[in-house]
């Protein structure tokens, strides 16, 4: 009888431990915040920018500017492009649009 009780406690403990571990290690959902004024504009993490866009941001043209926010813009009339908010030491904002290949859109 003692063995049965010990086995039941061991099984119960294992089940609860696995249940708690499962909730702690669950991945958080991807956070996409849609701009209320432009539903085609979705906030993304800087790491989610295409490699070509990230490379363009390291070029001399953007020296002294720090990327703070990035957005992907998908709409029916234009190609997909990326908007990056850049800030400098004087707290000036510069929003730059990029094609997927890293080319700046005028």
C-alpha atoms as a PDB file:
ATOM      1  CA  UNK A   1       0.000   0.000   0.000  1.00  0.00           C
ATOM      2  CA  UNK A   2       2.868   2.385   0.786  1.00  0.00           C
ATOM      3  CA  UNK A   3       4.359   1.723  -2.653  1.00  0.00           C
ATOM      4  CA  UNK A   4       1.047   2.575  -4.291  1.00  0.00           C
ATOM      5  CA  UNK A   5       0.770   5.867  -2.401  1.00  0.00           C
ATOM      6  CA  UNK A   6       4.385   6.775  -3.176  1.00  0.00           C
ATOM      7  CA  UNK A   7       3.848   5.951  -6.847  1.00  0.00           C
ATOM      8  CA  UNK A   8       0.676   8.094  -6.940  1.00  0.00           C
ATOM      9  CA  UNK A   9       2.508  11.028  -5.335  1.00  0.00           C
ATOM     10  CA  UNK A  10       5.414  10.663  -7.776  1.00  0.00           C
ATOM     11  CA  UNK A  11       3.084  10.618 -10.783  1.00  0.00           C
ATOM     12  CA  UNK A  12       1.095  13.606  -9.508  1.00  0.00           C
ATOM     13  CA  UNK A  13       4.274  15.584  -8.833  1.00  0.00           C
ATOM     14  CA  UNK A  14       5.608  14.797 -12.308  1.00  0.00           C
ATOM     15  CA  UNK A  15       2.366  15.861 -13.971  1.00  0.00           C
ATOM     16  CA  UNK A  16       2.268  19.183 -12.089  1.00  0.00           C
ATOM     17  CA  UNK A  17       5.948  19.860 -12.751  1.00  0.00           C
ATOM     18  CA  UNK A  18       5.495  19.277 -16.484  1.00  0.00           C
ATOM     19  CA  UNK A  19       2.382  21.446 -16.582  1.00  0.00           C
ATOM     20  CA  UNK A  20       4.202  24.354 -14.948  1.00  0.00           C
ATOM     21  CA  UNK A  21       7.260  23.939 -17.153  1.00  0.00           C
ATOM     22  CA  UNK A  22       5.073  23.953 -20.265  1.00  0.00           C
ATOM     23  CA  UNK A  23       3.547  27.311 -19.431  1.00  0.00           C
ATOM     24  CA  UNK A  24       6.873  28.916 -18.597  1.00  0.00           C
ATOM     25  CA  UNK A  25       8.590  27.857 -21.800  1.00  0.00           C
ATOM     26  CA  UNK A  26       5.714  28.649 -24.130  1.00  0.00           C
ATOM     27  CA  UNK A  27       6.685  31.186 -26.791  1.00  0.00           C
ATOM     28  CA  UNK A  28       5.050  34.550 -26.642  1.00  0.00           C
ATOM     29  CA  UNK A  29       2.972  35.353 -29.707  1.00  0.00           C
ATOM     30  CA  UNK A  30       4.529  37.612 -32.324  1.00  0.00           C
ATOM     31  CA  UNK A  31       3.595  41.172 -31.496  1.00  0.00           C
ATOM     32  CA  UNK A  32       2.250  43.071 -34.458  1.00  0.00           C
ATOM     33  CA  UNK A  33       0.736  46.443 -33.777  1.00  0.00           C
ATOM     34  CA  UNK A  34      -1.323  47.881 -36.586  1.00  0.00           C
ATOM     35  CA  UNK A  35      -1.360  51.643 -37.025  1.00  0.00           C
ATOM     36  CA  UNK A  36      -4.950  52.788 -36.511  1.00  0.00           C
ATOM     37  CA  UNK A  37      -4.582  55.531 -39.116  1.00  0.00           C
ATOM     38  CA  UNK A  38      -3.079  53.152 -41.694  1.00  0.00           C
ATOM     39  CA  UNK A  39      -4.212  49.519 -41.378  1.00  0.00           C
ATOM     40  CA  UNK A  40      -1.677  48.489 -44.051  1.00  0.00           C
ATOM     41  CA  UNK A  41       1.206  49.589 -41.779  1.00  0.00           C
ATOM     42  CA  UNK A  42       2.283  46.971 -39.227  1.00  0.00           C
ATOM     43  CA  UNK A  43       4.976  47.469 -36.597  1.00  0.00           C
ATOM     44  CA  UNK A  44       7.742  44.854 -36.676  1.00  0.00           C
ATOM     45  CA  UNK A  45      10.937  44.268 -34.724  1.00  0.00           C
ATOM     46  CA  UNK A  46      14.118  45.721 -36.202  1.00  0.00           C
ATOM     47  CA  UNK A  47      15.472  42.164 -36.432  1.00  0.00           C
ATOM     48  CA  UNK A  48      12.583  41.285 -38.754  1.00  0.00           C
ATOM     49  CA  UNK A  49      13.718  43.772 -41.401  1.00  0.00           C
ATOM     50  CA  UNK A  50      15.181  42.115 -44.508  1.00  0.00           C
ATOM     51  CA  UNK A  51      18.960  41.705 -44.406  1.00  0.00           C
ATOM     52  CA  UNK A  52      19.336  44.142 -47.311  1.00  0.00           C
ATOM     53  CA  UNK A  53      17.491  46.878 -45.392  1.00  0.00           C
ATOM     54  CA  UNK A  54      19.552  46.271 -42.239  1.00  0.00           C
ATOM     55  CA  UNK A  55      22.725  46.478 -44.367  1.00  0.00           C
ATOM     56  CA  UNK A  56      21.584  49.770 -45.913  1.00  0.00           C
ATOM     57  CA  UNK A  57      21.084  51.227 -42.438  1.00  0.00           C
ATOM     58  CA  UNK A  58      24.802  50.694 -41.709  1.00  0.00           C
ATOM     59  CA  UNK A  59      25.931  52.776 -44.711  1.00  0.00           C
ATOM     60  CA  UNK A  60      27.463  56.242 -44.431  1.00  0.00           C
ATOM     61  CA  UNK A  61      24.200  57.959 -45.359  1.00  0.00           C
ATOM     62  CA  UNK A  62      22.730  56.897 -42.010  1.00  0.00           C
ATOM     63  CA  UNK A  63      25.774  57.533 -39.770  1.00  0.00           C
ATOM     64  CA  UNK A  64      24.684  59.334 -36.612  1.00  0.00           C
ATOM     65  CA  UNK A  65      21.140  57.988 -36.867  1.00  0.00           C
ATOM     66  CA  UNK A  66      19.704  55.191 -34.715  1.00  0.00           C
ATOM     67  CA  UNK A  67      16.818  53.002 -35.848  1.00  0.00           C
ATOM     68  CA  UNK A  68      14.095  52.904 -33.194  1.00  0.00           C
ATOM     69  CA  UNK A  69      10.969  51.520 -34.887  1.00  0.00           C
ATOM     70  CA  UNK A  70      10.253  49.615 -38.074  1.00  0.00           C
ATOM     71  CA  UNK A  71       7.068  48.981 -40.009  1.00  0.00           C
ATOM     72  CA  UNK A  72       6.099  46.824 -42.947  1.00  0.00           C
ATOM     73  CA  UNK A  73       3.588  48.422 -45.277  1.00  0.00           C
ATOM     74  CA  UNK A  74       1.504  46.158 -47.482  1.00  0.00           C
ATOM     75  CA  UNK A  75      -1.280  47.558 -49.577  1.00  0.00           C
ATOM     76  CA  UNK A  76      -3.057  46.604 -52.763  1.00  0.00           C
ATOM     77  CA  UNK A  77      -1.848  49.471 -54.956  1.00  0.00           C
ATOM     78  CA  UNK A  78       1.868  49.497 -54.120  1.00  0.00           C
ATOM     79  CA  UNK A  79       4.596  46.950 -53.550  1.00  0.00           C
ATOM     80  CA  UNK A  80       5.479  45.986 -50.004  1.00  0.00           C
ATOM     81  CA  UNK A  81       7.957  48.381 -48.448  1.00  0.00           C
ATOM     82  CA  UNK A  82       9.503  49.083 -45.064  1.00  0.00           C
ATOM     83  CA  UNK A  83       9.465  52.292 -43.027  1.00  0.00           C
ATOM     84  CA  UNK A  84      12.188  52.850 -40.453  1.00  0.00           C
ATOM     85  CA  UNK A  85      12.099  55.625 -37.862  1.00  0.00           C
ATOM     86  CA  UNK A  86      15.592  56.993 -37.303  1.00  0.00           C
ATOM     87  CA  UNK A  87      16.598  59.362 -34.499  1.00  0.00           C
ATOM     88  CA  UNK A  88      19.793  61.376 -34.116  1.00  0.00           C
ATOM     89  CA  UNK A  89      21.545  62.876 -31.082  1.00  0.00           C
ATOM     90  CA  UNK A  90      19.485  66.083 -31.423  1.00  0.00           C
ATOM     91  CA  UNK A  91      16.265  64.036 -31.064  1.00  0.00           C
ATOM     92  CA  UNK A  92      15.336  64.699 -34.680  1.00  0.00           C
ATOM     93  CA  UNK A  93      13.151  62.117 -36.404  1.00  0.00           C
ATOM     94  CA  UNK A  94      13.767  60.892 -39.944  1.00  0.00           C
ATOM     95  CA  UNK A  95      11.420  58.314 -41.493  1.00  0.00           C
ATOM     96  CA  UNK A  96      13.005  56.415 -44.383  1.00  0.00           C
ATOM     97  CA  UNK A  97      11.202  54.030 -46.734  1.00  0.00           C
ATOM     98  CA  UNK A  98      13.014  51.014 -48.195  1.00  0.00           C
ATOM     99  CA  UNK A  99      12.228  48.418 -50.845  1.00  0.00           C
ATOM    100  CA  UNK A 100      12.861  44.793 -49.891  1.00  0.00           C
ATOM    101  CA  UNK A 101      16.255  44.986 -51.640  1.00  0.00           C
ATOM    102  CA  UNK A 102      17.401  47.816 -49.334  1.00  0.00           C
ATOM    103  CA  UNK A 103      16.955  50.623 -51.873  1.00  0.00           C
ATOM    104  CA  UNK A 104      15.687  53.910 -50.416  1.00  0.00           C
ATOM    105  CA  UNK A 105      12.318  54.971 -51.825  1.00  0.00           C
ATOM    106  CA  UNK A 106      12.031  58.697 -52.575  1.00  0.00           C
END
